């Protein structure tokens, strides 16, 4: 583990509130990274992805920059529009 991982673990051990907030943020950023990777795999700009999915470019941007916690419905609609399927994994903490 890196020193930042160690620090995060110490803070999570000290505070259940910190641990819960950290988990939420990590999930939001995981969705952001997954969408950005998908868009790049498709060779699309945010605007092109927005047009292809029927969403606004600002919605795509907010997801990718972590400022939006997208719903399962929204992510599913994006996946469907690109001929992909949405998958989830429950990992141990």
PDB file of N, CA and C in Angstrom:
ATOM      1  N   UNK A   1       0.823  -1.185   0.000  1.00  0.00           N
ATOM      2  CA  UNK A   1       0.000   0.000   0.000  1.00  0.00           C
ATOM      3  C   UNK A   1       0.869   1.251   0.000  1.00  0.00           C
ATOM      4  N   UNK A   2       0.339   2.300  -0.624  1.00  0.00           N
ATOM      5  CA  UNK A   2       1.050   3.574  -0.620  1.00  0.00           C
ATOM      6  C   UNK A   2       0.761   4.322   0.675  1.00  0.00           C
ATOM      7  N   UNK A   3       1.499   5.365   0.904  1.00  0.00           N
ATOM      8  CA  UNK A   3       1.299   6.128   2.135  1.00  0.00           C
ATOM      9  C   UNK A   3      -0.087   6.769   2.172  1.00  0.00           C
ATOM     10  N   UNK A   4      -0.623   7.170   1.024  1.00  0.00           N
ATOM     11  CA  UNK A   4      -1.970   7.741   1.014  1.00  0.00           C
ATOM     12  C   UNK A   4      -2.996   6.674   1.376  1.00  0.00           C
ATOM     13  N   UNK A   5      -2.803   5.458   0.866  1.00  0.00           N
ATOM     14  CA  UNK A   5      -3.708   4.365   1.225  1.00  0.00           C
ATOM     15  C   UNK A   5      -3.650   4.095   2.728  1.00  0.00           C
ATOM     16  N   UNK A   6      -2.453   4.137   3.270  1.00  0.00           N
ATOM     17  CA  UNK A   6      -2.291   3.937   4.713  1.00  0.00           C
ATOM     18  C   UNK A   6      -3.013   5.029   5.503  1.00  0.00           C
ATOM     19  N   UNK A   7      -2.860   6.273   5.069  1.00  0.00           N
ATOM     20  CA  UNK A   7      -3.503   7.395   5.741  1.00  0.00           C
ATOM     21  C   UNK A   7      -5.027   7.263   5.659  1.00  0.00           C
ATOM     22  N   UNK A   8      -5.530   6.913   4.498  1.00  0.00           N
ATOM     23  CA  UNK A   8      -6.975   6.727   4.337  1.00  0.00           C
ATOM     24  C   UNK A   8      -7.471   5.631   5.261  1.00  0.00           C
ATOM     25  N   UNK A   9      -6.740   4.537   5.336  1.00  0.00           N
ATOM     26  CA  UNK A   9      -7.146   3.436   6.208  1.00  0.00           C
ATOM     27  C   UNK A   9      -7.167   3.864   7.671  1.00  0.00           C
ATOM     28  N   UNK A  10      -6.170   4.624   8.094  1.00  0.00           N
ATOM     29  CA  UNK A  10      -6.127   5.120   9.476  1.00  0.00           C
ATOM     30  C   UNK A  10      -7.354   5.991   9.752  1.00  0.00           C
ATOM     31  N   UNK A  11      -7.671   6.888   8.814  1.00  0.00           N
ATOM     32  CA  UNK A  11      -8.830   7.771   8.995  1.00  0.00           C
ATOM     33  C   UNK A  11     -10.135   6.980   8.989  1.00  0.00           C
ATOM     34  N   UNK A  12     -10.227   5.973   8.128  1.00  0.00           N
ATOM     35  CA  UNK A  12     -11.428   5.124   8.093  1.00  0.00           C
ATOM     36  C   UNK A  12     -11.588   4.365   9.401  1.00  0.00           C
ATOM     37  N   UNK A  13     -10.472   3.896   9.960  1.00  0.00           N
ATOM     38  CA  UNK A  13     -10.515   3.177  11.233  1.00  0.00           C
ATOM     39  C   UNK A  13     -10.947   4.090  12.378  1.00  0.00           C
ATOM     40  N   UNK A  14     -10.589   5.368  12.294  1.00  0.00           N
ATOM     41  CA  UNK A  14     -10.917   6.322  13.342  1.00  0.00           C
ATOM     42  C   UNK A  14     -12.360   6.798  13.278  1.00  0.00           C
ATOM     43  N   UNK A  15     -12.904   6.885  12.082  1.00  0.00           N
ATOM     44  CA  UNK A  15     -14.214   7.513  11.922  1.00  0.00           C
ATOM     45  C   UNK A  15     -15.088   6.750  10.937  1.00  0.00           C
ATOM     46  N   UNK A  16     -16.208   6.254  11.415  1.00  0.00           N
ATOM     47  CA  UNK A  16     -17.145   5.562  10.513  1.00  0.00           C
ATOM     48  C   UNK A  16     -17.766   6.565   9.540  1.00  0.00           C
ATOM     49  N   UNK A  17     -17.921   7.815   9.973  1.00  0.00           N
ATOM     50  CA  UNK A  17     -18.456   8.842   9.072  1.00  0.00           C
ATOM     51  C   UNK A  17     -17.491   9.099   7.920  1.00  0.00           C
ATOM     52  N   UNK A  18     -16.201   9.216   8.226  1.00  0.00           N
ATOM     53  CA  UNK A  18     -15.193   9.390   7.183  1.00  0.00           C
ATOM     54  C   UNK A  18     -15.198   8.192   6.248  1.00  0.00           C
ATOM     55  N   UNK A  19     -15.257   6.997   6.811  1.00  0.00           N
ATOM     56  CA  UNK A  19     -15.245   5.775   5.999  1.00  0.00           C
ATOM     57  C   UNK A  19     -16.430   5.736   5.042  1.00  0.00           C
ATOM     58  N   UNK A  20     -17.605   6.123   5.529  1.00  0.00           N
ATOM     59  CA  UNK A  20     -18.802   6.119   4.679  1.00  0.00           C
ATOM     60  C   UNK A  20     -18.685   7.158   3.564  1.00  0.00           C
ATOM     61  N   UNK A  21     -18.229   8.340   3.891  1.00  0.00           N
ATOM     62  CA  UNK A  21     -18.071   9.390   2.879  1.00  0.00           C
ATOM     63  C   UNK A  21     -16.999   9.024   1.866  1.00  0.00           C
ATOM     64  N   UNK A  22     -15.912   8.425   2.335  1.00  0.00           N
ATOM     65  CA  UNK A  22     -14.849   8.007   1.428  1.00  0.00           C
ATOM     66  C   UNK A  22     -15.371   6.945   0.457  1.00  0.00           C
ATOM     67  N   UNK A  23     -16.148   5.998   0.970  1.00  0.00           N
ATOM     68  CA  UNK A  23     -16.707   4.933   0.120  1.00  0.00           C
ATOM     69  C   UNK A  23     -17.621   5.526  -0.956  1.00  0.00           C
ATOM     70  N   UNK A  24     -18.466   6.490  -0.570  1.00  0.00           N
ATOM     71  CA  UNK A  24     -19.357   7.139  -1.540  1.00  0.00           C
ATOM     72  C   UNK A  24     -18.559   7.852  -2.627  1.00  0.00           C
ATOM     73  N   UNK A  25     -17.540   8.582  -2.218  1.00  0.00           N
ATOM     74  CA  UNK A  25     -16.720   9.317  -3.184  1.00  0.00           C
ATOM     75  C   UNK A  25     -15.980   8.353  -4.114  1.00  0.00           C
ATOM     76  N   UNK A  26     -15.483   7.279  -3.558  1.00  0.00           N
ATOM     77  CA  UNK A  26     -14.770   6.285  -4.373  1.00  0.00           C
ATOM     78  C   UNK A  26     -15.710   5.672  -5.410  1.00  0.00           C
ATOM     79  N   UNK A  27     -16.955   5.400  -5.024  1.00  0.00           N
ATOM     80  CA  UNK A  27     -17.935   4.848  -5.957  1.00  0.00           C
ATOM     81  C   UNK A  27     -18.246   5.849  -7.071  1.00  0.00           C
ATOM     82  N   UNK A  28     -18.406   7.114  -6.707  1.00  0.00           N
ATOM     83  CA  UNK A  28     -18.695   8.151  -7.699  1.00  0.00           C
ATOM     84  C   UNK A  28     -17.537   8.279  -8.690  1.00  0.00           C
ATOM     85  N   UNK A  29     -16.315   8.256  -8.177  1.00  0.00           N
ATOM     86  CA  UNK A  29     -15.156   8.368  -9.056  1.00  0.00           C
ATOM     87  C   UNK A  29     -14.965   7.118  -9.904  1.00  0.00           C
ATOM     88  N   UNK A  30     -15.350   5.965  -9.388  1.00  0.00           N
ATOM     89  CA  UNK A  30     -15.284   4.736 -10.190  1.00  0.00           C
ATOM     90  C   UNK A  30     -16.225   4.823 -11.383  1.00  0.00           C
ATOM     91  N   UNK A  31     -17.418   5.368 -11.164  1.00  0.00           N
ATOM     92  CA  UNK A  31     -18.363   5.560 -12.266  1.00  0.00           C
ATOM     93  C   UNK A  31     -17.801   6.557 -13.273  1.00  0.00           C
ATOM     94  N   UNK A  32     -17.171   7.611 -12.779  1.00  0.00           N
ATOM     95  CA  UNK A  32     -16.578   8.622 -13.651  1.00  0.00           C
ATOM     96  C   UNK A  32     -15.499   8.013 -14.543  1.00  0.00           C
ATOM     97  N   UNK A  33     -14.624   7.234 -13.933  1.00  0.00           N
ATOM     98  CA  UNK A  33     -13.533   6.609 -14.685  1.00  0.00           C
ATOM     99  C   UNK A  33     -14.070   5.603 -15.693  1.00  0.00           C
ATOM    100  N   UNK A  34     -15.062   4.822 -15.281  1.00  0.00           N
ATOM    101  CA  UNK A  34     -15.639   3.822 -16.187  1.00  0.00           C
ATOM    102  C   UNK A  34     -16.274   4.484 -17.408  1.00  0.00           C
ATOM    103  N   UNK A  35     -17.000   5.582 -17.193  1.00  0.00           N
ATOM    104  CA  UNK A  35     -17.633   6.268 -18.320  1.00  0.00           C
ATOM    105  C   UNK A  35     -16.583   6.886 -19.231  1.00  0.00           C
ATOM    106  N   UNK A  36     -15.558   7.489 -18.658  1.00  0.00           N
ATOM    107  CA  UNK A  36     -14.506   8.090 -19.470  1.00  0.00           C
ATOM    108  C   UNK A  36     -13.792   7.030 -20.312  1.00  0.00           C
ATOM    109  N   UNK A  37     -13.516   5.876 -19.708  1.00  0.00           N
ATOM    110  CA  UNK A  37     -12.863   4.792 -20.455  1.00  0.00           C
ATOM    111  C   UNK A  37     -13.757   4.291 -21.577  1.00  0.00           C
ATOM    112  N   UNK A  38     -15.044   4.145 -21.297  1.00  0.00           N
ATOM    113  CA  UNK A  38     -15.993   3.716 -22.320  1.00  0.00           C
ATOM    114  C   UNK A  38     -16.011   4.707 -23.475  1.00  0.00           C
ATOM    115  N   UNK A  39     -16.104   5.967 -23.157  1.00  0.00           N
ATOM    116  CA  UNK A  39     -16.134   7.006 -24.196  1.00  0.00           C
ATOM    117  C   UNK A  39     -14.865   6.974 -25.034  1.00  0.00           C
ATOM    118  N   UNK A  40     -13.730   6.830 -24.385  1.00  0.00           N
ATOM    119  CA  UNK A  40     -12.458   6.777 -25.113  1.00  0.00           C
ATOM    120  C   UNK A  40     -12.353   5.517 -25.967  1.00  0.00           C
ATOM    121  N   UNK A  41     -12.838   4.375 -25.449  1.00  0.00           N
ATOM    122  CA  UNK A  41     -12.856   3.142 -26.242  1.00  0.00           C
ATOM    123  C   UNK A  41     -13.685   3.313 -27.510  1.00  0.00           C
ATOM    124  N   UNK A  42     -14.762   4.070 -27.393  1.00  0.00           N
ATOM    125  CA  UNK A  42     -15.650   4.325 -28.528  1.00  0.00           C
ATOM    126  C   UNK A  42     -15.094   5.408 -29.446  1.00  0.00           C
ATOM    127  N   UNK A  43     -14.007   6.060 -29.022  1.00  0.00           N
ATOM    128  CA  UNK A  43     -13.397   7.122 -29.827  1.00  0.00           C
ATOM    129  C   UNK A  43     -14.278   8.358 -29.949  1.00  0.00           C
ATOM    130  N   UNK A  44     -14.985   8.658 -28.877  1.00  0.00           N
ATOM    131  CA  UNK A  44     -15.942   9.762 -28.904  1.00  0.00           C
ATOM    132  C   UNK A  44     -15.514  10.905 -27.999  1.00  0.00           C
ATOM    133  N   UNK A  45     -15.960  12.105 -28.375  1.00  0.00           N
ATOM    134  CA  UNK A  45     -15.859  13.247 -27.480  1.00  0.00           C
ATOM    135  C   UNK A  45     -17.058  13.195 -26.543  1.00  0.00           C
ATOM    136  N   UNK A  46     -17.045  14.028 -25.526  1.00  0.00           N
ATOM    137  CA  UNK A  46     -18.208  14.102 -24.636  1.00  0.00           C
ATOM    138  C   UNK A  46     -19.457  14.499 -25.419  1.00  0.00           C
ATOM    139  N   UNK A  47     -19.314  15.444 -26.330  1.00  0.00           N
ATOM    140  CA  UNK A  47     -20.451  15.895 -27.127  1.00  0.00           C
ATOM    141  C   UNK A  47     -20.992  14.762 -27.999  1.00  0.00           C
ATOM    142  N   UNK A  48     -20.106  13.996 -28.631  1.00  0.00           N
ATOM    143  CA  UNK A  48     -20.538  12.868 -29.464  1.00  0.00           C
ATOM    144  C   UNK A  48     -21.249  11.810 -28.625  1.00  0.00           C
ATOM    145  N   UNK A  49     -20.724  11.544 -27.436  1.00  0.00           N
ATOM    146  CA  UNK A  49     -21.368  10.576 -26.551  1.00  0.00           C
ATOM    147  C   UNK A  49     -22.742  11.083 -26.126  1.00  0.00           C
ATOM    148  N   UNK A  50     -22.833  12.351 -25.844  1.00  0.00           N
ATOM    149  CA  UNK A  50     -24.111  12.940 -25.456  1.00  0.00           C
ATOM    150  C   UNK A  50     -25.144  12.768 -26.568  1.00  0.00           C
ATOM    151  N   UNK A  51     -24.768  13.058 -27.792  1.00  0.00           N
ATOM    152  CA  UNK A  51     -25.683  12.916 -28.923  1.00  0.00           C
ATOM    153  C   UNK A  51     -26.090  11.453 -29.085  1.00  0.00           C
ATOM    154  N   UNK A  52     -25.119  10.551 -29.001  1.00  0.00           N
ATOM    155  CA  UNK A  52     -25.394   9.119 -29.194  1.00  0.00           C
ATOM    156  C   UNK A  52     -26.309   8.547 -28.111  1.00  0.00           C
ATOM    157  N   UNK A  53     -26.263   9.125 -26.925  1.00  0.00           N
ATOM    158  CA  UNK A  53     -27.042   8.587 -25.809  1.00  0.00           C
ATOM    159  C   UNK A  53     -28.304   9.395 -25.508  1.00  0.00           C
ATOM    160  N   UNK A  54     -28.469  10.518 -26.186  1.00  0.00           N
ATOM    161  CA  UNK A  54     -29.632  11.358 -25.924  1.00  0.00           C
ATOM    162  C   UNK A  54     -29.535  12.125 -24.618  1.00  0.00           C
ATOM    163  N   UNK A  55     -28.334  12.293 -24.127  1.00  0.00           N
ATOM    164  CA  UNK A  55     -28.100  13.056 -22.890  1.00  0.00           C
ATOM    165  C   UNK A  55     -27.441  14.374 -23.272  1.00  0.00           C
ATOM    166  N   UNK A  56     -27.346  15.279 -22.323  1.00  0.00           N
ATOM    167  CA  UNK A  56     -26.651  16.528 -22.600  1.00  0.00           C
ATOM    168  C   UNK A  56     -25.150  16.346 -22.382  1.00  0.00           C
ATOM    169  N   UNK A  57     -24.372  17.191 -23.057  1.00  0.00           N
ATOM    170  CA  UNK A  57     -22.924  17.140 -22.870  1.00  0.00           C
ATOM    171  C   UNK A  57     -22.579  17.482 -21.429  1.00  0.00           C
ATOM    172  N   UNK A  58     -23.339  18.368 -20.816  1.00  0.00           N
ATOM    173  CA  UNK A  58     -23.054  18.735 -19.423  1.00  0.00           C
ATOM    174  C   UNK A  58     -23.296  17.557 -18.476  1.00  0.00           C
ATOM    175  N   UNK A  59     -24.267  16.700 -18.789  1.00  0.00           N
ATOM    176  CA  UNK A  59     -24.492  15.505 -17.964  1.00  0.00           C
ATOM    177  C   UNK A  59     -23.285  14.579 -18.058  1.00  0.00           C
ATOM    178  N   UNK A  60     -22.808  14.352 -19.272  1.00  0.00           N
ATOM    179  CA  UNK A  60     -21.626  13.494 -19.459  1.00  0.00           C
ATOM    180  C   UNK A  60     -20.438  14.091 -18.711  1.00  0.00           C
ATOM    181  N   UNK A  61     -20.237  15.399 -18.838  1.00  0.00           N
ATOM    182  CA  UNK A  61     -19.114  16.065 -18.173  1.00  0.00           C
ATOM    183  C   UNK A  61     -19.222  15.959 -16.659  1.00  0.00           C
ATOM    184  N   UNK A  62     -20.426  16.162 -16.114  1.00  0.00           N
ATOM    185  CA  UNK A  62     -20.600  16.091 -14.646  1.00  0.00           C
ATOM    186  C   UNK A  62     -20.315  14.685 -14.130  1.00  0.00           C
ATOM    187  N   UNK A  63     -20.707  13.667 -14.880  1.00  0.00           N
ATOM    188  CA  UNK A  63     -20.398  12.291 -14.456  1.00  0.00           C
ATOM    189  C   UNK A  63     -18.896  12.084 -14.484  1.00  0.00           C
ATOM    190  N   UNK A  64     -18.266  12.467 -15.599  1.00  0.00           N
ATOM    191  CA  UNK A  64     -16.832  12.225 -15.766  1.00  0.00           C
ATOM    192  C   UNK A  64     -15.972  13.002 -14.783  1.00  0.00           C
ATOM    193  N   UNK A  65     -16.413  14.174 -14.362  1.00  0.00           N
ATOM    194  CA  UNK A  65     -15.577  14.921 -13.417  1.00  0.00           C
ATOM    195  C   UNK A  65     -15.943  14.645 -11.964  1.00  0.00           C
ATOM    196  N   UNK A  66     -16.853  13.694 -11.751  1.00  0.00           N
ATOM    197  CA  UNK A  66     -17.185  13.269 -10.395  1.00  0.00           C
ATOM    198  C   UNK A  66     -18.142  14.187  -9.667  1.00  0.00           C
ATOM    199  N   UNK A  67     -18.742  15.144 -10.375  1.00  0.00           N
ATOM    200  CA  UNK A  67     -19.671  16.069  -9.737  1.00  0.00           C
ATOM    201  C   UNK A  67     -21.109  15.580  -9.744  1.00  0.00           C
ATOM    202  N   UNK A  68     -21.326  14.406 -10.300  1.00  0.00           N
ATOM    203  CA  UNK A  68     -22.674  13.852 -10.345  1.00  0.00           C
ATOM    204  C   UNK A  68     -22.606  12.390  -9.946  1.00  0.00           C
ATOM    205  N   UNK A  69     -23.537  11.994  -9.113  1.00  0.00           N
ATOM    206  CA  UNK A  69     -23.643  10.588  -8.744  1.00  0.00           C
ATOM    207  C   UNK A  69     -24.734   9.992  -9.635  1.00  0.00           C
ATOM    208  N   UNK A  70     -24.334   9.372 -10.753  1.00  0.00           N
ATOM    209  CA  UNK A  70     -25.342   8.919 -11.716  1.00  0.00           C
ATOM    210  C   UNK A  70     -26.152   7.745 -11.179  1.00  0.00           C
ATOM    211  N   UNK A  71     -27.406   7.740 -11.545  1.00  0.00           N
ATOM    212  CA  UNK A  71     -28.281   6.638 -11.142  1.00  0.00           C
ATOM    213  C   UNK A  71     -27.981   5.399 -11.991  1.00  0.00           C
ATOM    214  N   UNK A  72     -28.410   4.274 -11.496  1.00  0.00           N
ATOM    215  CA  UNK A  72     -28.287   3.033 -12.262  1.00  0.00           C
ATOM    216  C   UNK A  72     -29.055   3.181 -13.567  1.00  0.00           C
ATOM    217  N   UNK A  73     -30.214   3.818 -13.499  1.00  0.00           N
ATOM    218  CA  UNK A  73     -31.038   4.021 -14.699  1.00  0.00           C
ATOM    219  C   UNK A  73     -30.263   4.813 -15.747  1.00  0.00           C
ATOM    220  N   UNK A  74     -29.630   5.900 -15.347  1.00  0.00           N
ATOM    221  CA  UNK A  74     -28.867   6.726 -16.279  1.00  0.00           C
ATOM    222  C   UNK A  74     -27.713   5.949 -16.891  1.00  0.00           C
ATOM    223  N   UNK A  75     -26.955   5.246 -16.068  1.00  0.00           N
ATOM    224  CA  UNK A  75     -25.837   4.459 -16.589  1.00  0.00           C
ATOM    225  C   UNK A  75     -26.319   3.349 -17.517  1.00  0.00           C
ATOM    226  N   UNK A  76     -27.453   2.758 -17.188  1.00  0.00           N
ATOM    227  CA  UNK A  76     -28.027   1.719 -18.029  1.00  0.00           C
ATOM    228  C   UNK A  76     -28.457   2.280 -19.379  1.00  0.00           C
ATOM    229  N   UNK A  77     -29.047   3.458 -19.377  1.00  0.00           N
ATOM    230  CA  UNK A  77     -29.453   4.098 -20.631  1.00  0.00           C
ATOM    231  C   UNK A  77     -28.240   4.400 -21.512  1.00  0.00           C
ATOM    232  N   UNK A  78     -27.163   4.851 -20.906  1.00  0.00           N
ATOM    233  CA  UNK A  78     -25.933   5.124 -21.659  1.00  0.00           C
ATOM    234  C   UNK A  78     -25.389   3.824 -22.244  1.00  0.00           C
ATOM    235  N   UNK A  79     -25.329   2.787 -21.418  1.00  0.00           N
ATOM    236  CA  UNK A  79     -24.837   1.489 -21.892  1.00  0.00           C
ATOM    237  C   UNK A  79     -25.686   0.964 -23.044  1.00  0.00           C
ATOM    238  N   UNK A  80     -26.993   1.009 -22.885  1.00  0.00           N
ATOM    239  CA  UNK A  80     -27.908   0.523 -23.927  1.00  0.00           C
ATOM    240  C   UNK A  80     -27.701   1.269 -25.243  1.00  0.00           C
ATOM    241  N   UNK A  81     -27.552   2.577 -25.158  1.00  0.00           N
ATOM    242  CA  UNK A  81     -27.388   3.388 -26.365  1.00  0.00           C
ATOM    243  C   UNK A  81     -26.124   3.023 -27.137  1.00  0.00           C
ATOM    244  N   UNK A  82     -25.142   2.479 -26.424  1.00  0.00           N
ATOM    245  CA  UNK A  82     -23.875   2.107 -27.070  1.00  0.00           C
ATOM    246  C   UNK A  82     -23.755   0.602 -27.316  1.00  0.00           C
ATOM    247  N   UNK A  83     -24.848  -0.115 -27.105  1.00  0.00           N
ATOM    248  CA  UNK A  83     -24.817  -1.566 -27.315  1.00  0.00           C
ATOM    249  C   UNK A  83     -23.972  -2.292 -26.292  1.00  0.00           C
ATOM    250  N   UNK A  84     -23.920  -1.744 -25.094  1.00  0.00           N
ATOM    251  CA  UNK A  84     -23.157  -2.345 -23.997  1.00  0.00           C
ATOM    252  C   UNK A  84     -24.121  -2.780 -22.910  1.00  0.00           C
ATOM    253  N   UNK A  85     -23.607  -3.566 -21.965  1.00  0.00           N
ATOM    254  CA  UNK A  85     -24.410  -3.916 -20.799  1.00  0.00           C
ATOM    255  C   UNK A  85     -23.712  -3.384 -19.561  1.00  0.00           C
ATOM    256  N   UNK A  86     -24.514  -3.022 -18.597  1.00  0.00           N
ATOM    257  CA  UNK A  86     -24.012  -2.487 -17.341  1.00  0.00           C
ATOM    258  C   UNK A  86     -23.840  -3.639 -16.370  1.00  0.00           C
ATOM    259  N   UNK A  87     -22.678  -3.730 -15.749  1.00  0.00           N
ATOM    260  CA  UNK A  87     -22.414  -4.790 -14.779  1.00  0.00           C
ATOM    261  C   UNK A  87     -21.942  -4.171 -13.471  1.00  0.00           C
ATOM    262  N   UNK A  88     -22.292  -4.836 -12.378  1.00  0.00           N
ATOM    263  CA  UNK A  88     -21.876  -4.396 -11.053  1.00  0.00           C
ATOM    264  C   UNK A  88     -21.167  -5.545 -10.335  1.00  0.00           C
ATOM    265  N   UNK A  89     -20.311  -5.151  -9.424  1.00  0.00           N
ATOM    266  CA  UNK A  89     -19.614  -6.113  -8.583  1.00  0.00           C
ATOM    267  C   UNK A  89     -19.687  -5.636  -7.141  1.00  0.00           C
ATOM    268  N   UNK A  90     -19.947  -6.544  -6.246  1.00  0.00           N
ATOM    269  CA  UNK A  90     -19.892  -6.229  -4.831  1.00  0.00           C
ATOM    270  C   UNK A  90     -18.563  -6.768  -4.300  1.00  0.00           C
ATOM    271  N   UNK A  91     -17.666  -5.852  -3.981  1.00  0.00           N
ATOM    272  CA  UNK A  91     -16.346  -6.227  -3.519  1.00  0.00           C
ATOM    273  C   UNK A  91     -16.258  -6.055  -2.000  1.00  0.00           C
ATOM    274  N   UNK A  92     -15.425  -6.829  -1.380  1.00  0.00           N
ATOM    275  CA  UNK A  92     -15.189  -6.666   0.057  1.00  0.00           C
ATOM    276  C   UNK A  92     -14.486  -5.363   0.311  1.00  0.00           C
ATOM    277  N   UNK A  93     -14.808  -4.762   1.457  1.00  0.00           N
ATOM    278  CA  UNK A  93     -14.168  -3.487   1.814  1.00  0.00           C
ATOM    279  C   UNK A  93     -12.894  -3.735   2.551  1.00  0.00           C
TER     280      UNK A  93
END
